[in-house]
Amino acid sequence: MDGRRVKFRKNAIAVSISREMAVGMGFIEPNREERYERAVLHERWRRESAAREQRYAAGYSALLNTDPITRAVLDLHAPVSYYSRLVCQGCDADGYDTEHPEWPCRTIETLAHAHHLDMTYQGEA
């Protein structure tokens, strides 16, 4: 986006925010270039998400075929779909308003490393 500012007035309050933020919040409609930019970003996110899910599924399957202790930890730290991402329900959250960590959590990453599996995702070059 081009860095322009947009002003909004409501009663006696005036707020100045970036055009990008105003478009993102739905206050104003994106122009043609902004729609194209958002479509490109969405397509990149979709491709990266699909690649990440394939890598995680392969690593998870490989870990399932290891020893019983690893299997027990996997059962506890199994991925759970939360909106458009995977989270670990096995990790303890720090209070009612804390979100569970993204999956694979540190426990699963440690298990994968111990079994010489790489479950990290580097994204597109």
N, C-alpha and C. Protein backbone atom coordinates (compact mmCIF):
# COMPACT_ATOMS: atom_id res chain seq x y z
N MET A 1 0.84 -1.17 0.00
CA MET A 1 0.00 0.00 0.00
C MET A 1 0.89 1.24 0.00
N ASP A 2 0.29 2.36 -0.25
CA ASP A 2 1.09 3.55 -0.50
C ASP A 2 1.35 4.43 0.73
N GLY A 3 0.88 4.06 1.91
CA GLY A 3 1.17 4.83 3.11
C GLY A 3 0.25 6.00 3.36
N ARG A 4 -0.79 6.18 2.53
CA ARG A 4 -1.73 7.29 2.75
C ARG A 4 -2.51 7.06 4.03
N ARG A 5 -2.95 8.14 4.65
CA ARG A 5 -3.73 8.07 5.88
C ARG A 5 -5.20 8.34 5.57
N VAL A 6 -6.07 7.76 6.36
CA VAL A 6 -7.51 7.95 6.21
C VAL A 6 -8.04 8.41 7.55
N LYS A 7 -8.92 9.43 7.55
CA LYS A 7 -9.50 9.94 8.80
C LYS A 7 -10.94 9.47 8.93
N PHE A 8 -11.30 9.07 10.14
CA PHE A 8 -12.66 8.66 10.45
C PHE A 8 -13.14 9.51 11.62
N ARG A 9 -14.37 9.97 11.52
CA ARG A 9 -14.96 10.77 12.59
C ARG A 9 -16.22 10.06 13.10
N LYS A 10 -16.31 9.99 14.42
CA LYS A 10 -17.49 9.43 15.07
C LYS A 10 -17.76 10.29 16.28
N ASN A 11 -18.87 11.00 16.27
CA ASN A 11 -19.21 11.94 17.33
C ASN A 11 -18.07 12.97 17.46
N ALA A 12 -17.47 13.09 18.65
CA ALA A 12 -16.43 14.09 18.85
C ALA A 12 -15.03 13.51 18.69
N ILE A 13 -14.93 12.29 18.23
CA ILE A 13 -13.63 11.62 18.13
C ILE A 13 -13.22 11.49 16.67
N ALA A 14 -11.99 11.85 16.37
CA ALA A 14 -11.43 11.68 15.03
C ALA A 14 -10.19 10.80 15.15
N VAL A 15 -10.11 9.81 14.29
CA VAL A 15 -9.00 8.88 14.32
C VAL A 15 -8.37 8.84 12.94
N SER A 16 -7.05 8.88 12.89
CA SER A 16 -6.33 8.79 11.63
C SER A 16 -5.57 7.47 11.62
N ILE A 17 -5.88 6.62 10.63
CA ILE A 17 -5.21 5.34 10.50
C ILE A 17 -4.70 5.19 9.07
N SER A 18 -3.83 4.23 8.86
CA SER A 18 -3.29 4.02 7.52
C SER A 18 -4.39 3.46 6.62
N ARG A 19 -4.25 3.71 5.34
CA ARG A 19 -5.20 3.17 4.36
C ARG A 19 -5.20 1.65 4.42
N GLU A 20 -4.02 1.06 4.58
CA GLU A 20 -3.90 -0.39 4.66
C GLU A 20 -4.72 -0.94 5.82
N MET A 21 -4.65 -0.29 6.97
CA MET A 21 -5.42 -0.73 8.13
C MET A 21 -6.92 -0.54 7.88
N ALA A 22 -7.30 0.56 7.26
CA ALA A 22 -8.72 0.82 6.98
C ALA A 22 -9.28 -0.23 6.03
N VAL A 23 -8.50 -0.62 5.02
CA VAL A 23 -8.93 -1.67 4.09
C VAL A 23 -9.02 -3.00 4.83
N GLY A 24 -7.99 -3.30 5.62
CA GLY A 24 -7.96 -4.56 6.37
C GLY A 24 -9.11 -4.71 7.34
N MET A 25 -9.55 -3.61 7.93
CA MET A 25 -10.66 -3.64 8.89
C MET A 25 -12.01 -3.55 8.21
N GLY A 26 -12.01 -3.35 6.89
CA GLY A 26 -13.26 -3.28 6.16
C GLY A 26 -13.94 -1.92 6.22
N PHE A 27 -13.24 -0.88 6.66
CA PHE A 27 -13.84 0.45 6.71
C PHE A 27 -14.04 1.03 5.32
N ILE A 28 -13.11 0.72 4.40
CA ILE A 28 -13.20 1.19 3.02
C ILE A 28 -12.93 0.03 2.08
N GLU A 29 -13.42 0.15 0.86
CA GLU A 29 -13.21 -0.89 -0.14
C GLU A 29 -11.82 -0.75 -0.76
N PRO A 30 -11.15 -1.88 -1.01
CA PRO A 30 -9.84 -1.80 -1.65
C PRO A 30 -9.97 -1.40 -3.12
N ASN A 31 -8.96 -0.69 -3.63
CA ASN A 31 -8.97 -0.37 -5.06
C ASN A 31 -8.44 -1.58 -5.84
N ARG A 32 -8.33 -1.47 -7.15
CA ARG A 32 -7.93 -2.59 -7.99
C ARG A 32 -6.55 -3.14 -7.61
N GLU A 33 -5.58 -2.24 -7.40
CA GLU A 33 -4.23 -2.69 -7.04
C GLU A 33 -4.23 -3.40 -5.69
N GLU A 34 -4.99 -2.87 -4.74
CA GLU A 34 -5.06 -3.48 -3.41
C GLU A 34 -5.73 -4.85 -3.46
N ARG A 35 -6.78 -4.98 -4.28
CA ARG A 35 -7.43 -6.29 -4.44
C ARG A 35 -6.46 -7.30 -5.03
N TYR A 36 -5.68 -6.88 -6.03
CA TYR A 36 -4.70 -7.77 -6.65
C TYR A 36 -3.63 -8.16 -5.63
N GLU A 37 -3.13 -7.19 -4.88
CA GLU A 37 -2.11 -7.46 -3.86
C GLU A 37 -2.62 -8.45 -2.81
N ARG A 38 -3.86 -8.26 -2.38
CA ARG A 38 -4.45 -9.16 -1.39
C ARG A 38 -4.65 -10.56 -1.96
N ALA A 39 -5.03 -10.65 -3.23
CA ALA A 39 -5.21 -11.96 -3.87
C ALA A 39 -3.88 -12.69 -3.98
N VAL A 40 -2.82 -11.97 -4.33
CA VAL A 40 -1.49 -12.58 -4.43
C VAL A 40 -1.04 -13.09 -3.06
N LEU A 41 -1.23 -12.29 -2.03
CA LEU A 41 -0.84 -12.70 -0.68
C LEU A 41 -1.65 -13.91 -0.22
N HIS A 42 -2.95 -13.92 -0.53
CA HIS A 42 -3.79 -15.05 -0.14
C HIS A 42 -3.35 -16.34 -0.85
N GLU A 43 -3.04 -16.24 -2.12
CA GLU A 43 -2.60 -17.42 -2.87
C GLU A 43 -1.28 -17.95 -2.32
N ARG A 44 -0.37 -17.05 -1.98
CA ARG A 44 0.91 -17.48 -1.38
C ARG A 44 0.66 -18.17 -0.05
N TRP A 45 -0.20 -17.60 0.78
CA TRP A 45 -0.53 -18.20 2.07
C TRP A 45 -1.14 -19.58 1.88
N ARG A 46 -2.04 -19.72 0.89
CA ARG A 46 -2.69 -21.01 0.64
C ARG A 46 -1.66 -22.07 0.23
N ARG A 47 -0.73 -21.71 -0.67
CA ARG A 47 0.30 -22.66 -1.11
C ARG A 47 1.21 -23.06 0.05
N GLU A 48 1.64 -22.08 0.83
CA GLU A 48 2.52 -22.37 1.96
C GLU A 48 1.81 -23.22 3.01
N SER A 49 0.54 -22.95 3.25
CA SER A 49 -0.22 -23.75 4.22
C SER A 49 -0.35 -25.19 3.77
N ALA A 50 -0.63 -25.40 2.48
CA ALA A 50 -0.75 -26.76 1.95
C ALA A 50 0.57 -27.51 2.07
N ALA A 51 1.68 -26.84 1.74
CA ALA A 51 3.00 -27.48 1.84
C ALA A 51 3.34 -27.80 3.29
N ARG A 52 3.03 -26.89 4.19
CA ARG A 52 3.30 -27.10 5.62
C ARG A 52 2.48 -28.28 6.14
N GLU A 53 1.21 -28.36 5.78
CA GLU A 53 0.37 -29.45 6.24
C GLU A 53 0.88 -30.80 5.73
N GLN A 54 1.34 -30.86 4.49
CA GLN A 54 1.90 -32.12 3.96
C GLN A 54 3.14 -32.53 4.73
N ARG A 55 4.01 -31.57 5.00
CA ARG A 55 5.24 -31.87 5.75
C ARG A 55 4.90 -32.34 7.16
N TYR A 56 3.98 -31.69 7.82
CA TYR A 56 3.59 -32.09 9.17
C TYR A 56 2.95 -33.48 9.17
N ALA A 57 2.10 -33.75 8.18
CA ALA A 57 1.45 -35.06 8.12
C ALA A 57 2.48 -36.17 7.94
N ALA A 58 3.48 -35.93 7.10
CA ALA A 58 4.52 -36.94 6.89
C ALA A 58 5.33 -37.16 8.17
N GLY A 59 5.69 -36.09 8.85
CA GLY A 59 6.44 -36.22 10.10
C GLY A 59 5.63 -36.89 11.18
N TYR A 60 4.35 -36.55 11.27
CA TYR A 60 3.47 -37.16 12.28
C TYR A 60 3.34 -38.66 12.03
N SER A 61 3.17 -39.04 10.78
CA SER A 61 3.06 -40.47 10.45
C SER A 61 4.35 -41.21 10.80
N ALA A 62 5.47 -40.58 10.51
CA ALA A 62 6.76 -41.22 10.84
C ALA A 62 6.91 -41.38 12.35
N LEU A 63 6.50 -40.39 13.12
CA LEU A 63 6.60 -40.49 14.57
C LEU A 63 5.65 -41.55 15.14
N LEU A 64 4.51 -41.74 14.50
CA LEU A 64 3.56 -42.76 14.97
C LEU A 64 4.14 -44.16 14.91
N ASN A 65 5.08 -44.37 14.00
CA ASN A 65 5.66 -45.69 13.81
C ASN A 65 6.96 -45.88 14.58
N THR A 66 7.13 -45.15 15.67
CA THR A 66 8.34 -45.32 16.49
C THR A 66 7.98 -46.09 17.75
N ASP A 67 8.55 -45.74 18.86
CA ASP A 67 8.37 -46.50 20.11
C ASP A 67 7.08 -46.13 20.84
N PRO A 68 6.66 -46.96 21.81
CA PRO A 68 5.41 -46.71 22.55
C PRO A 68 5.40 -45.41 23.36
N ILE A 69 6.55 -45.00 23.87
CA ILE A 69 6.59 -43.75 24.65
C ILE A 69 6.32 -42.56 23.73
N THR A 70 6.94 -42.56 22.57
CA THR A 70 6.69 -41.49 21.61
C THR A 70 5.21 -41.48 21.22
N ARG A 71 4.64 -42.65 21.01
CA ARG A 71 3.22 -42.75 20.65
C ARG A 71 2.33 -42.17 21.75
N ALA A 72 2.66 -42.43 23.01
CA ALA A 72 1.88 -41.90 24.13
C ALA A 72 1.96 -40.37 24.17
N VAL A 73 3.14 -39.83 23.93
CA VAL A 73 3.29 -38.38 23.92
C VAL A 73 2.53 -37.79 22.73
N LEU A 74 2.58 -38.46 21.58
CA LEU A 74 1.83 -38.00 20.40
C LEU A 74 0.33 -37.99 20.67
N ASP A 75 -0.15 -39.01 21.37
CA ASP A 75 -1.58 -39.05 21.71
C ASP A 75 -1.97 -37.85 22.56
N LEU A 76 -1.09 -37.47 23.48
CA LEU A 76 -1.36 -36.32 24.34
C LEU A 76 -1.25 -35.00 23.58
N HIS A 77 -0.26 -34.90 22.71
CA HIS A 77 0.02 -33.66 21.99
C HIS A 77 -0.47 -33.72 20.54
N ALA A 78 -1.57 -34.38 20.30
CA ALA A 78 -2.11 -34.49 18.95
C ALA A 78 -2.59 -33.12 18.45
N PRO A 79 -2.45 -32.87 17.16
CA PRO A 79 -2.90 -31.59 16.62
C PRO A 79 -4.43 -31.50 16.58
N VAL A 80 -4.94 -30.33 16.88
CA VAL A 80 -6.38 -30.07 16.85
C VAL A 80 -6.60 -28.85 15.95
N SER A 81 -7.56 -28.94 15.05
CA SER A 81 -7.84 -27.83 14.16
C SER A 81 -8.55 -26.71 14.94
N TYR A 82 -7.99 -25.52 14.82
CA TYR A 82 -8.56 -24.34 15.48
C TYR A 82 -8.64 -23.24 14.45
N TYR A 83 -9.83 -22.99 13.94
CA TYR A 83 -10.05 -22.10 12.81
C TYR A 83 -9.20 -22.57 11.63
N SER A 84 -8.24 -21.79 11.17
CA SER A 84 -7.47 -22.19 9.99
C SER A 84 -6.06 -22.65 10.35
N ARG A 85 -5.85 -23.09 11.58
CA ARG A 85 -4.51 -23.52 11.97
C ARG A 85 -4.60 -24.70 12.91
N LEU A 86 -3.47 -25.36 13.12
CA LEU A 86 -3.41 -26.48 14.05
C LEU A 86 -2.81 -26.01 15.37
N VAL A 87 -3.40 -26.45 16.47
CA VAL A 87 -2.88 -26.13 17.79
C VAL A 87 -2.69 -27.41 18.58
N CYS A 88 -1.90 -27.33 19.64
CA CYS A 88 -1.65 -28.47 20.51
C CYS A 88 -2.51 -28.33 21.76
N GLN A 89 -3.45 -29.24 21.96
CA GLN A 89 -4.30 -29.21 23.14
C GLN A 89 -3.62 -29.87 24.34
N GLY A 90 -2.50 -30.57 24.10
CA GLY A 90 -1.80 -31.24 25.20
C GLY A 90 -0.95 -30.31 26.03
N CYS A 91 -0.55 -29.18 25.48
CA CYS A 91 0.26 -28.22 26.23
C CYS A 91 -0.65 -27.43 27.16
N ASP A 92 -0.18 -27.24 28.36
CA ASP A 92 -0.98 -26.49 29.33
C ASP A 92 -0.97 -25.01 28.97
N ALA A 93 -2.14 -24.41 28.98
CA ALA A 93 -2.27 -22.98 28.73
C ALA A 93 -2.10 -22.25 30.05
N ASP A 94 -1.70 -20.99 29.98
CA ASP A 94 -1.43 -20.19 31.17
C ASP A 94 -2.63 -19.32 31.52
N GLY A 95 -3.76 -19.90 31.86
CA GLY A 95 -4.94 -19.11 32.20
C GLY A 95 -6.02 -19.24 31.15
N TYR A 96 -7.19 -18.75 31.47
CA TYR A 96 -8.34 -18.92 30.59
C TYR A 96 -8.24 -18.14 29.29
N ASP A 97 -7.48 -17.07 29.27
CA ASP A 97 -7.41 -16.24 28.07
C ASP A 97 -6.18 -16.52 27.20
N THR A 98 -5.44 -17.56 27.52
CA THR A 98 -4.24 -17.89 26.78
C THR A 98 -4.57 -18.91 25.70
N GLU A 99 -4.02 -18.71 24.52
CA GLU A 99 -4.23 -19.65 23.43
C GLU A 99 -3.23 -20.79 23.52
N HIS A 100 -3.64 -21.96 23.05
CA HIS A 100 -2.73 -23.09 22.99
C HIS A 100 -1.68 -22.83 21.91
N PRO A 101 -0.48 -23.39 22.06
CA PRO A 101 0.56 -23.14 21.06
C PRO A 101 0.25 -23.79 19.72
N GLU A 102 0.82 -23.23 18.67
CA GLU A 102 0.65 -23.82 17.33
C GLU A 102 1.29 -25.20 17.31
N TRP A 103 0.72 -26.06 16.48
CA TRP A 103 1.27 -27.40 16.33
C TRP A 103 2.16 -27.43 15.10
N PRO A 104 3.31 -28.04 15.09
CA PRO A 104 3.86 -28.86 16.17
C PRO A 104 4.43 -27.98 17.30
N CYS A 105 4.10 -28.37 18.52
CA CYS A 105 4.58 -27.64 19.69
C CYS A 105 6.04 -28.03 19.95
N ARG A 106 6.64 -27.44 20.96
CA ARG A 106 8.04 -27.73 21.27
C ARG A 106 8.24 -29.19 21.63
N THR A 107 7.26 -29.81 22.28
CA THR A 107 7.37 -31.22 22.65
C THR A 107 7.48 -32.09 21.40
N ILE A 108 6.62 -31.85 20.43
CA ILE A 108 6.63 -32.64 19.19
C ILE A 108 7.91 -32.36 18.40
N GLU A 109 8.34 -31.11 18.35
CA GLU A 109 9.58 -30.79 17.65
C GLU A 109 10.77 -31.48 18.31
N THR A 110 10.77 -31.58 19.64
CA THR A 110 11.84 -32.27 20.35
C THR A 110 11.83 -33.76 20.04
N LEU A 111 10.64 -34.36 20.02
CA LEU A 111 10.53 -35.78 19.65
C LEU A 111 11.01 -36.02 18.22
N ALA A 112 10.60 -35.17 17.31
CA ALA A 112 11.01 -35.32 15.91
C ALA A 112 12.52 -35.22 15.79
N HIS A 113 13.11 -34.27 16.50
CA HIS A 113 14.57 -34.12 16.46
C HIS A 113 15.25 -35.37 17.02
N ALA A 114 14.72 -35.92 18.11
CA ALA A 114 15.31 -37.13 18.72
C ALA A 114 15.24 -38.32 17.77
N HIS A 115 14.25 -38.34 16.90
CA HIS A 115 14.09 -39.43 15.92
C HIS A 115 14.65 -39.04 14.55
N HIS A 116 15.43 -37.95 14.50
CA HIS A 116 16.08 -37.49 13.26
C HIS A 116 15.08 -37.17 12.16
N LEU A 117 13.97 -36.54 12.54
CA LEU A 117 12.97 -36.07 11.58
C LEU A 117 12.93 -34.56 11.62
N ASP A 118 12.76 -33.95 10.46
CA ASP A 118 12.70 -32.49 10.39
C ASP A 118 11.25 -32.08 10.14
N MET A 119 10.61 -31.51 11.15
CA MET A 119 9.23 -31.06 10.99
C MET A 119 9.13 -29.55 10.93
N THR A 120 10.25 -28.87 10.72
CA THR A 120 10.20 -27.43 10.57
C THR A 120 9.78 -27.09 9.16
N TYR A 121 9.27 -25.90 8.98
CA TYR A 121 8.85 -25.47 7.65
C TYR A 121 9.55 -24.16 7.34
N GLN A 122 10.27 -24.13 6.24
CA GLN A 122 11.03 -22.94 5.88
C GLN A 122 10.26 -22.00 4.96
N GLY A 123 9.19 -22.43 4.34
CA GLY A 123 8.43 -21.58 3.42
C GLY A 123 9.07 -21.52 2.06
N GLU A 124 8.52 -20.65 1.22
CA GLU A 124 9.05 -20.52 -0.14
C GLU A 124 10.32 -19.69 -0.15
N ALA A 125 11.19 -20.01 -1.07
CA ALA A 125 12.46 -19.26 -1.19
C ALA A 125 12.23 -17.92 -1.83
